[in-house]
Amino acid sequence: MTSSNLSNPVSYRQAIRSSDLDQWLHTINKELHTMSELNVWEIAPIPKDTKLVGTTWVFKTKRNELNAILEHKAQLCAQGFSQIQGIDFSKMFPPTG
């Protein structure tokens, strides 16, 4: 795998418009499948006056020492910065990773 584009997409839109479209779509689908298998979310009714948390994709291209592409990675991230403690949530947990 090689690509002339050495930068990572900064948005979903940029990823699907890139020359590496097929690889990014495969990686996105792989991430969504993994999240589904791990029961990361559940479908539930939205309570009245609830502020939903948005999401964004983060893309990374892993390369070797010769700059050849080893792997495309995609991670779906919650935009928790839009929440206010005590109003939108009550408990805090440290980030993992």
PDB file of N, CA and C in Angstrom:
ATOM      1  N   MET A   1       0.845  -1.185   0.000  1.00  0.00           N
ATOM      2  CA  MET A   1       0.000   0.000   0.000  1.00  0.00           C
ATOM      3  C   MET A   1       0.889   1.246   0.000  1.00  0.00           C
ATOM      4  N   THR A   2       0.688   2.070  -0.959  1.00  0.00           N
ATOM      5  CA  THR A   2       1.370   3.353  -0.965  1.00  0.00           C
ATOM      6  C   THR A   2       0.407   4.415  -1.429  1.00  0.00           C
ATOM      7  N   SER A   3       0.674   5.630  -1.077  1.00  0.00           N
ATOM      8  CA  SER A   3      -0.167   6.754  -1.467  1.00  0.00           C
ATOM      9  C   SER A   3       0.697   7.993  -1.613  1.00  0.00           C
ATOM     10  N   SER A   4       0.329   8.825  -2.584  1.00  0.00           N
ATOM     11  CA  SER A   4       1.073  10.071  -2.742  1.00  0.00           C
ATOM     12  C   SER A   4       0.656  11.092  -1.688  1.00  0.00           C
ATOM     13  N   ASN A   5      -0.507  10.890  -1.080  1.00  0.00           N
ATOM     14  CA  ASN A   5      -1.006  11.813  -0.064  1.00  0.00           C
ATOM     15  C   ASN A   5      -0.448  11.392   1.294  1.00  0.00           C
ATOM     16  N   LEU A   6       0.440  12.201   1.858  1.00  0.00           N
ATOM     17  CA  LEU A   6       1.095  11.827   3.110  1.00  0.00           C
ATOM     18  C   LEU A   6       0.371  12.314   4.355  1.00  0.00           C
ATOM     19  N   SER A   7      -0.666  13.122   4.209  1.00  0.00           N
ATOM     20  CA  SER A   7      -1.374  13.623   5.382  1.00  0.00           C
ATOM     21  C   SER A   7      -2.627  12.787   5.644  1.00  0.00           C
ATOM     22  N   ASN A   8      -3.071  12.810   6.887  1.00  0.00           N
ATOM     23  CA  ASN A   8      -4.284  12.103   7.268  1.00  0.00           C
ATOM     24  C   ASN A   8      -5.489  13.011   7.056  1.00  0.00           C
ATOM     25  N   PRO A   9      -6.635  12.440   6.664  1.00  0.00           N
ATOM     26  CA  PRO A   9      -7.841  13.266   6.561  1.00  0.00           C
ATOM     27  C   PRO A   9      -8.201  13.824   7.933  1.00  0.00           C
ATOM     28  N   VAL A  10      -8.734  15.036   7.966  1.00  0.00           N
ATOM     29  CA  VAL A  10      -9.136  15.637   9.241  1.00  0.00           C
ATOM     30  C   VAL A  10     -10.642  15.572   9.442  1.00  0.00           C
ATOM     31  N   SER A  11     -11.366  14.975   8.488  1.00  0.00           N
ATOM     32  CA  SER A  11     -12.811  14.837   8.615  1.00  0.00           C
ATOM     33  C   SER A  11     -13.276  13.631   7.789  1.00  0.00           C
ATOM     34  N   TYR A  12     -14.486  13.184   8.067  1.00  0.00           N
ATOM     35  CA  TYR A  12     -15.087  12.102   7.292  1.00  0.00           C
ATOM     36  C   TYR A  12     -15.186  12.523   5.828  1.00  0.00           C
ATOM     37  N   ARG A  13     -15.625  13.746   5.600  1.00  0.00           N
ATOM     38  CA  ARG A  13     -15.769  14.251   4.234  1.00  0.00           C
ATOM     39  C   ARG A  13     -14.439  14.183   3.477  1.00  0.00           C
ATOM     40  N   GLN A  14     -13.385  14.593   4.138  1.00  0.00           N
ATOM     41  CA  GLN A  14     -12.068  14.552   3.504  1.00  0.00           C
ATOM     42  C   GLN A  14     -11.640  13.114   3.217  1.00  0.00           C
ATOM     43  N   ALA A  15     -11.951  12.200   4.124  1.00  0.00           N
ATOM     44  CA  ALA A  15     -11.582  10.793   3.935  1.00  0.00           C
ATOM     45  C   ALA A  15     -12.289  10.196   2.716  1.00  0.00           C
ATOM     46  N   ILE A  16     -13.583  10.482   2.573  1.00  0.00           N
ATOM     47  CA  ILE A  16     -14.312   9.874   1.455  1.00  0.00           C
ATOM     48  C   ILE A  16     -14.031  10.562   0.120  1.00  0.00           C
ATOM     49  N   ARG A  17     -13.372  11.697   0.167  1.00  0.00           N
ATOM     50  CA  ARG A  17     -12.975  12.387  -1.067  1.00  0.00           C
ATOM     51  C   ARG A  17     -11.505  12.135  -1.418  1.00  0.00           C
ATOM     52  N   SER A  18     -10.826  11.351  -0.588  1.00  0.00           N
ATOM     53  CA  SER A  18      -9.392  11.135  -0.801  1.00  0.00           C
ATOM     54  C   SER A  18      -9.148  10.027  -1.821  1.00  0.00           C
ATOM     55  N   SER A  19      -7.912   9.950  -2.281  1.00  0.00           N
ATOM     56  CA  SER A  19      -7.527   8.886  -3.217  1.00  0.00           C
ATOM     57  C   SER A  19      -7.517   7.519  -2.528  1.00  0.00           C
ATOM     58  N   ASP A  20      -7.524   7.509  -1.191  1.00  0.00           N
ATOM     59  CA  ASP A  20      -7.548   6.261  -0.414  1.00  0.00           C
ATOM     60  C   ASP A  20      -8.958   5.905   0.056  1.00  0.00           C
ATOM     61  N   LEU A  21      -9.964   6.345  -0.695  1.00  0.00           N
ATOM     62  CA  LEU A  21     -11.370   6.130  -0.324  1.00  0.00           C
ATOM     63  C   LEU A  21     -11.651   4.688   0.073  1.00  0.00           C
ATOM     64  N   ASP A  22     -11.260   3.730  -0.753  1.00  0.00           N
ATOM     65  CA  ASP A  22     -11.575   2.327  -0.459  1.00  0.00           C
ATOM     66  C   ASP A  22     -10.988   1.870   0.874  1.00  0.00           C
ATOM     67  N   GLN A  23      -9.753   2.286   1.150  1.00  0.00           N
ATOM     68  CA  GLN A  23      -9.117   1.893   2.408  1.00  0.00           C
ATOM     69  C   GLN A  23      -9.814   2.548   3.598  1.00  0.00           C
ATOM     70  N   TRP A  24     -10.177   3.837   3.475  1.00  0.00           N
ATOM     71  CA  TRP A  24     -10.848   4.519   4.590  1.00  0.00           C
ATOM     72  C   TRP A  24     -12.224   3.912   4.844  1.00  0.00           C
ATOM     73  N   LEU A  25     -12.976   3.616   3.791  1.00  0.00           N
ATOM     74  CA  LEU A  25     -14.306   3.006   3.988  1.00  0.00           C
ATOM     75  C   LEU A  25     -14.185   1.635   4.638  1.00  0.00           C
ATOM     76  N   HIS A  26     -13.213   0.866   4.213  1.00  0.00           N
ATOM     77  CA  HIS A  26     -12.987  -0.446   4.831  1.00  0.00           C
ATOM     78  C   HIS A  26     -12.671  -0.293   6.320  1.00  0.00           C
ATOM     79  N   THR A  27     -11.813   0.668   6.632  1.00  0.00           N
ATOM     80  CA  THR A  27     -11.410   0.909   8.021  1.00  0.00           C
ATOM     81  C   THR A  27     -12.574   1.415   8.869  1.00  0.00           C
ATOM     82  N   ILE A  28     -13.382   2.308   8.311  1.00  0.00           N
ATOM     83  CA  ILE A  28     -14.571   2.811   9.018  1.00  0.00           C
ATOM     84  C   ILE A  28     -15.532   1.669   9.295  1.00  0.00           C
ATOM     85  N   ASN A  29     -15.803   0.849   8.291  1.00  0.00           N
ATOM     86  CA  ASN A  29     -16.720  -0.277   8.478  1.00  0.00           C
ATOM     87  C   ASN A  29     -16.179  -1.274   9.499  1.00  0.00           C
ATOM     88  N   LYS A  30     -14.874  -1.486   9.488  1.00  0.00           N
ATOM     89  CA  LYS A  30     -14.243  -2.381  10.470  1.00  0.00           C
ATOM     90  C   LYS A  30     -14.432  -1.832  11.886  1.00  0.00           C
ATOM     91  N   GLU A  31     -14.223  -0.527  12.069  1.00  0.00           N
ATOM     92  CA  GLU A  31     -14.397   0.106  13.388  1.00  0.00           C
ATOM     93  C   GLU A  31     -15.846   0.008  13.858  1.00  0.00           C
ATOM     94  N   LEU A  32     -16.798   0.295  12.966  1.00  0.00           N
ATOM     95  CA  LEU A  32     -18.217   0.210  13.334  1.00  0.00           C
ATOM     96  C   LEU A  32     -18.622  -1.223  13.667  1.00  0.00           C
ATOM     97  N   HIS A  33     -18.102  -2.175  12.918  1.00  0.00           N
ATOM     98  CA  HIS A  33     -18.403  -3.593  13.193  1.00  0.00           C
ATOM     99  C   HIS A  33     -17.859  -3.987  14.568  1.00  0.00           C
ATOM    100  N   THR A  34     -16.631  -3.582  14.866  1.00  0.00           N
ATOM    101  CA  THR A  34     -16.034  -3.890  16.166  1.00  0.00           C
ATOM    102  C   THR A  34     -16.848  -3.279  17.296  1.00  0.00           C
ATOM    103  N   MET A  35     -17.262  -2.027  17.128  1.00  0.00           N
ATOM    104  CA  MET A  35     -18.064  -1.362  18.158  1.00  0.00           C
ATOM    105  C   MET A  35     -19.394  -2.081  18.359  1.00  0.00           C
ATOM    106  N   SER A  36     -19.989  -2.531  17.272  1.00  0.00           N
ATOM    107  CA  SER A  36     -21.246  -3.263  17.363  1.00  0.00           C
ATOM    108  C   SER A  36     -21.050  -4.598  18.088  1.00  0.00           C
ATOM    109  N   GLU A  37     -19.996  -5.307  17.743  1.00  0.00           N
ATOM    110  CA  GLU A  37     -19.697  -6.594  18.382  1.00  0.00           C
ATOM    111  C   GLU A  37     -19.448  -6.439  19.878  1.00  0.00           C
ATOM    112  N   LEU A  38     -18.860  -5.316  20.273  1.00  0.00           N
ATOM    113  CA  LEU A  38     -18.550  -5.066  21.687  1.00  0.00           C
ATOM    114  C   LEU A  38     -19.700  -4.395  22.436  1.00  0.00           C
ATOM    115  N   ASN A  39     -20.849  -4.221  21.759  1.00  0.00           N
ATOM    116  CA  ASN A  39     -22.027  -3.582  22.355  1.00  0.00           C
ATOM    117  C   ASN A  39     -21.682  -2.214  22.949  1.00  0.00           C
ATOM    118  N   VAL A  40     -20.984  -1.405  22.176  1.00  0.00           N
ATOM    119  CA  VAL A  40     -20.559  -0.087  22.635  1.00  0.00           C
ATOM    120  C   VAL A  40     -21.755   0.826  22.851  1.00  0.00           C
ATOM    121  N   TRP A  41     -22.804   0.633  22.086  1.00  0.00           N
ATOM    122  CA  TRP A  41     -23.982   1.480  22.225  1.00  0.00           C
ATOM    123  C   TRP A  41     -25.239   0.631  22.157  1.00  0.00           C
ATOM    124  N   GLU A  42     -26.341   1.237  22.526  1.00  0.00           N
ATOM    125  CA  GLU A  42     -27.638   0.587  22.383  1.00  0.00           C
ATOM    126  C   GLU A  42     -28.631   1.632  21.897  1.00  0.00           C
ATOM    127  N   ILE A  43     -29.570   1.173  21.109  1.00  0.00           N
ATOM    128  CA  ILE A  43     -30.603   2.068  20.607  1.00  0.00           C
ATOM    129  C   ILE A  43     -31.623   2.287  21.724  1.00  0.00           C
ATOM    130  N   ALA A  44     -31.905   3.551  22.008  1.00  0.00           N
ATOM    131  CA  ALA A  44     -32.829   3.891  23.083  1.00  0.00           C
ATOM    132  C   ALA A  44     -33.580   5.165  22.703  1.00  0.00           C
ATOM    133  N   PRO A  45     -34.780   5.338  23.242  1.00  0.00           N
ATOM    134  CA  PRO A  45     -35.490   6.598  22.976  1.00  0.00           C
ATOM    135  C   PRO A  45     -34.737   7.772  23.611  1.00  0.00           C
ATOM    136  N   ILE A  46     -34.812   8.907  22.970  1.00  0.00           N
ATOM    137  CA  ILE A  46     -34.136  10.106  23.472  1.00  0.00           C
ATOM    138  C   ILE A  46     -35.084  10.833  24.427  1.00  0.00           C
ATOM    139  N   PRO A  47     -34.710  10.954  25.699  1.00  0.00           N
ATOM    140  CA  PRO A  47     -35.566  11.674  26.643  1.00  0.00           C
ATOM    141  C   PRO A  47     -35.726  13.142  26.230  1.00  0.00           C
ATOM    142  N   LYS A  48     -36.866  13.687  26.565  1.00  0.00           N
ATOM    143  CA  LYS A  48     -37.142  15.088  26.268  1.00  0.00           C
ATOM    144  C   LYS A  48     -36.082  15.974  26.933  1.00  0.00           C
ATOM    145  N   ASP A  49     -35.717  17.050  26.265  1.00  0.00           N
ATOM    146  CA  ASP A  49     -34.734  18.025  26.754  1.00  0.00           C
ATOM    147  C   ASP A  49     -33.345  17.435  26.969  1.00  0.00           C
ATOM    148  N   THR A  50     -33.021  16.387  26.217  1.00  0.00           N
ATOM    149  CA  THR A  50     -31.702  15.781  26.309  1.00  0.00           C
ATOM    150  C   THR A  50     -30.805  16.344  25.224  1.00  0.00           C
ATOM    151  N   LYS A  51     -29.598  16.695  25.610  1.00  0.00           N
ATOM    152  CA  LYS A  51     -28.612  17.197  24.657  1.00  0.00           C
ATOM    153  C   LYS A  51     -27.770  16.007  24.181  1.00  0.00           C
ATOM    154  N   LEU A  52     -27.839  15.706  22.901  1.00  0.00           N
ATOM    155  CA  LEU A  52     -27.073  14.590  22.364  1.00  0.00           C
ATOM    156  C   LEU A  52     -25.621  14.989  22.172  1.00  0.00           C
ATOM    157  N   VAL A  53     -24.738  14.016  22.336  1.00  0.00           N
ATOM    158  CA  VAL A  53     -23.318  14.235  22.137  1.00  0.00           C
ATOM    159  C   VAL A  53     -22.990  13.892  20.689  1.00  0.00           C
ATOM    160  N   GLY A  54     -22.343  14.815  20.000  1.00  0.00           N
ATOM    161  CA  GLY A  54     -21.937  14.568  18.624  1.00  0.00           C
ATOM    162  C   GLY A  54     -20.740  13.642  18.564  1.00  0.00           C
ATOM    163  N   THR A  55     -20.405  13.237  17.371  1.00  0.00           N
ATOM    164  CA  THR A  55     -19.232  12.393  17.162  1.00  0.00           C
ATOM    165  C   THR A  55     -18.397  12.962  16.018  1.00  0.00           C
ATOM    166  N   THR A  56     -17.165  12.523  15.986  1.00  0.00           N
ATOM    167  CA  THR A  56     -16.271  12.882  14.891  1.00  0.00           C
ATOM    168  C   THR A  56     -15.346  11.699  14.638  1.00  0.00           C
ATOM    169  N   TRP A  57     -14.888  11.584  13.412  1.00  0.00           N
ATOM    170  CA  TRP A  57     -13.931  10.533  13.067  1.00  0.00           C
ATOM    171  C   TRP A  57     -12.524  11.082  13.155  1.00  0.00           C
ATOM    172  N   VAL A  58     -11.604  10.252  13.671  1.00  0.00           N
ATOM    173  CA  VAL A  58     -10.183  10.575  13.690  1.00  0.00           C
ATOM    174  C   VAL A  58      -9.494   9.510  12.843  1.00  0.00           C
ATOM    175  N   PHE A  59      -8.704   9.961  11.875  1.00  0.00           N
ATOM    176  CA  PHE A  59      -8.043   9.060  10.934  1.00  0.00           C
ATOM    177  C   PHE A  59      -6.533   9.122  11.102  1.00  0.00           C
ATOM    178  N   LYS A  60      -5.903   7.967  10.974  1.00  0.00           N
ATOM    179  CA  LYS A  60      -4.446   7.904  11.093  1.00  0.00           C
ATOM    180  C   LYS A  60      -3.927   6.854  10.116  1.00  0.00           C
ATOM    181  N   THR A  61      -2.847   7.206   9.453  1.00  0.00           N
ATOM    182  CA  THR A  61      -2.171   6.272   8.567  1.00  0.00           C
ATOM    183  C   THR A  61      -0.878   5.840   9.249  1.00  0.00           C
ATOM    184  N   LYS A  62      -0.768   4.545   9.512  1.00  0.00           N
ATOM    185  CA  LYS A  62       0.460   4.024  10.122  1.00  0.00           C
ATOM    186  C   LYS A  62       1.423   3.686   8.993  1.00  0.00           C
ATOM    187  N   ARG A  63       2.674   4.137   9.146  1.00  0.00           N
ATOM    188  CA  ARG A  63       3.692   3.943   8.113  1.00  0.00           C
ATOM    189  C   ARG A  63       4.955   3.308   8.702  1.00  0.00           C
ATOM    190  N   ASN A  64       5.729   2.680   7.823  1.00  0.00           N
ATOM    191  CA  ASN A  64       7.000   2.122   8.266  1.00  0.00           C
ATOM    192  C   ASN A  64       8.112   3.151   8.103  1.00  0.00           C
ATOM    193  N   GLU A  65       9.346   2.742   8.368  1.00  0.00           N
ATOM    194  CA  GLU A  65      10.471   3.670   8.307  1.00  0.00           C
ATOM    195  C   GLU A  65      10.756   4.179   6.892  1.00  0.00           C
ATOM    196  N   LEU A  66      10.227   3.487   5.864  1.00  0.00           N
ATOM    197  CA  LEU A  66      10.391   3.936   4.477  1.00  0.00           C
ATOM    198  C   LEU A  66       9.188   4.740   4.001  1.00  0.00           C
ATOM    199  N   ASN A  67       8.282   5.035   4.919  1.00  0.00           N
ATOM    200  CA  ASN A  67       7.074   5.829   4.678  1.00  0.00           C
ATOM    201  C   ASN A  67       6.003   5.084   3.866  1.00  0.00           C
ATOM    202  N   ALA A  68       6.156   3.788   3.728  1.00  0.00           N
ATOM    203  CA  ALA A  68       5.125   2.980   3.069  1.00  0.00           C
ATOM    204  C   ALA A  68       3.984   2.752   4.055  1.00  0.00           C
ATOM    205  N   ILE A  69       2.759   2.753   3.550  1.00  0.00           N
ATOM    206  CA  ILE A  69       1.587   2.589   4.411  1.00  0.00           C
ATOM    207  C   ILE A  69       1.506   1.154   4.911  1.00  0.00           C
ATOM    208  N   LEU A  70       1.403   1.019   6.223  1.00  0.00           N
ATOM    209  CA  LEU A  70       1.201  -0.283   6.850  1.00  0.00           C
ATOM    210  C   LEU A  70      -0.279  -0.532   7.117  1.00  0.00           C
ATOM    211  N   GLU A  71      -0.975   0.530   7.544  1.00  0.00           N
ATOM    212  CA  GLU A  71      -2.365   0.350   7.969  1.00  0.00           C
ATOM    213  C   GLU A  71      -3.071   1.700   8.026  1.00  0.00           C
ATOM    214  N   HIS A  72      -4.364   1.676   7.678  1.00  0.00           N
ATOM    215  CA  HIS A  72      -5.224   2.844   7.886  1.00  0.00           C
ATOM    216  C   HIS A  72      -6.025   2.581   9.163  1.00  0.00           C
ATOM    217  N   LYS A  73      -6.161   3.579  10.007  1.00  0.00           N
ATOM    218  CA  LYS A  73      -6.922   3.430  11.248  1.00  0.00           C
ATOM    219  C   LYS A  73      -7.971   4.527  11.316  1.00  0.00           C
ATOM    220  N   ALA A  74      -9.132   4.184  11.844  1.00  0.00           N
ATOM    221  CA  ALA A  74     -10.211   5.152  12.036  1.00  0.00           C
ATOM    222  C   ALA A  74     -10.802   4.921  13.414  1.00  0.00           C
ATOM    223  N   GLN A  75     -11.095   6.015  14.103  1.00  0.00           N
ATOM    224  CA  GLN A  75     -11.675   5.919  15.446  1.00  0.00           C
ATOM    225  C   GLN A  75     -12.830   6.903  15.542  1.00  0.00           C
ATOM    226  N   LEU A  76     -13.977   6.408  15.968  1.00  0.00           N
ATOM    227  CA  LEU A  76     -15.144   7.255  16.178  1.00  0.00           C
ATOM    228  C   LEU A  76     -15.086   7.794  17.607  1.00  0.00           C
ATOM    229  N   CYS A  77     -15.049   9.111  17.731  1.00  0.00           N
ATOM    230  CA  CYS A  77     -14.869   9.748  19.040  1.00  0.00           C
ATOM    231  C   CYS A  77     -16.081  10.596  19.404  1.00  0.00           C
ATOM    232  N   ALA A  78     -16.488  10.494  20.660  1.00  0.00           N
ATOM    233  CA  ALA A  78     -17.568  11.342  21.169  1.00  0.00           C
ATOM    234  C   ALA A  78     -17.031  12.742  21.411  1.00  0.00           C
ATOM    235  N   GLN A  79     -17.836  13.727  21.123  1.00  0.00           N
ATOM    236  CA  GLN A  79     -17.455  15.124  21.347  1.00  0.00           C
ATOM    237  C   GLN A  79     -17.952  15.565  22.721  1.00  0.00           C
ATOM    238  N   GLY A  80     -17.357  14.985  23.753  1.00  0.00           N
ATOM    239  CA  GLY A  80     -17.782  15.240  25.121  1.00  0.00           C
ATOM    240  C   GLY A  80     -17.570  16.666  25.593  1.00  0.00           C
ATOM    241  N   PHE A  81     -16.774  17.429  24.865  1.00  0.00           N
ATOM    242  CA  PHE A  81     -16.526  18.822  25.256  1.00  0.00           C
ATOM    243  C   PHE A  81     -17.797  19.657  25.234  1.00  0.00           C
ATOM    244  N   SER A  82     -18.843  19.146  24.590  1.00  0.00           N
ATOM    245  CA  SER A  82     -20.095  19.905  24.500  1.00  0.00           C
ATOM    246  C   SER A  82     -20.986  19.716  25.731  1.00  0.00           C
ATOM    247  N   GLN A  83     -20.557  18.858  26.656  1.00  0.00           N
ATOM    248  CA  GLN A  83     -21.352  18.586  27.849  1.00  0.00           C
ATOM    249  C   GLN A  83     -20.873  19.412  29.041  1.00  0.00           C
ATOM    250  N   ILE A  84     -21.801  19.649  29.945  1.00  0.00           N
ATOM    251  CA  ILE A  84     -21.502  20.394  31.166  1.00  0.00           C
ATOM    252  C   ILE A  84     -21.764  19.486  32.359  1.00  0.00           C
ATOM    253  N   GLN A  85     -20.727  19.298  33.202  1.00  0.00           N
ATOM    254  CA  GLN A  85     -20.865  18.438  34.372  1.00  0.00           C
ATOM    255  C   GLN A  85     -21.946  18.981  35.299  1.00  0.00           C
ATOM    256  N   GLY A  86     -22.784  18.079  35.801  1.00  0.00           N
ATOM    257  CA  GLY A  86     -23.879  18.453  36.697  1.00  0.00           C
ATOM    258  C   GLY A  86     -25.156  18.772  35.947  1.00  0.00           C
ATOM    259  N   ILE A  87     -25.038  19.057  34.647  1.00  0.00           N
ATOM    260  CA  ILE A  87     -26.224  19.325  33.827  1.00  0.00           C
ATOM    261  C   ILE A  87     -26.452  18.172  32.855  1.00  0.00           C
ATOM    262  N   ASP A  88     -25.410  17.846  32.076  1.00  0.00           N
ATOM    263  CA  ASP A  88     -25.524  16.786  31.076  1.00  0.00           C
ATOM    264  C   ASP A  88     -25.047  15.428  31.591  1.00  0.00           C
ATOM    265  N   PHE A  89     -24.268  15.413  32.655  1.00  0.00           N
ATOM    266  CA  PHE A  89     -23.782  14.160  33.228  1.00  0.00           C
ATOM    267  C   PHE A  89     -23.384  14.412  34.682  1.00  0.00           C
ATOM    268  N   SER A  90     -23.274  13.309  35.440  1.00  0.00           N
ATOM    269  CA  SER A  90     -22.918  13.474  36.850  1.00  0.00           C
ATOM    270  C   SER A  90     -21.613  12.768  37.210  1.00  0.00           C
ATOM    271  N   LYS A  91     -21.240  11.725  36.487  1.00  0.00           N
ATOM    272  CA  LYS A  91     -20.014  10.999  36.809  1.00  0.00           C
ATOM    273  C   LYS A  91     -18.954  11.267  35.745  1.00  0.00           C
ATOM    274  N   MET A  92     -17.689  11.279  36.195  1.00  0.00           N
ATOM    275  CA  MET A  92     -16.564  11.438  35.274  1.00  0.00           C
ATOM    276  C   MET A  92     -15.688  10.199  35.365  1.00  0.00           C
ATOM    277  N   PHE A  93     -15.148   9.803  34.201  1.00  0.00           N
ATOM    278  CA  PHE A  93     -14.247   8.671  34.129  1.00  0.00           C
ATOM    279  C   PHE A  93     -12.988   9.112  33.395  1.00  0.00           C
ATOM    280  N   PRO A  94     -11.829   8.601  33.790  1.00  0.00           N
ATOM    281  CA  PRO A  94     -10.597   8.992  33.094  1.00  0.00           C
ATOM    282  C   PRO A  94     -10.582   8.419  31.686  1.00  0.00           C
ATOM    283  N   PRO A  95      -9.932   9.101  30.753  1.00  0.00           N
ATOM    284  CA  PRO A  95      -9.833   8.559  29.398  1.00  0.00           C
ATOM    285  C   PRO A  95      -9.018   7.274  29.410  1.00  0.00           C
ATOM    286  N   THR A  96      -9.292   6.405  28.454  1.00  0.00           N
ATOM    287  CA  THR A  96      -8.544   5.151  28.348  1.00  0.00           C
ATOM    288  C   THR A  96      -7.735   5.185  27.067  1.00  0.00           C
ATOM    289  N   GLY A  97      -6.815   4.331  26.986  1.00  0.00           N
ATOM    290  CA  GLY A  97      -6.097   4.250  25.724  1.00  0.00           C
ATOM    291  C   GLY A  97      -4.683   4.125  25.909  1.00  0.00           C
TER     292      GLY A  97
END
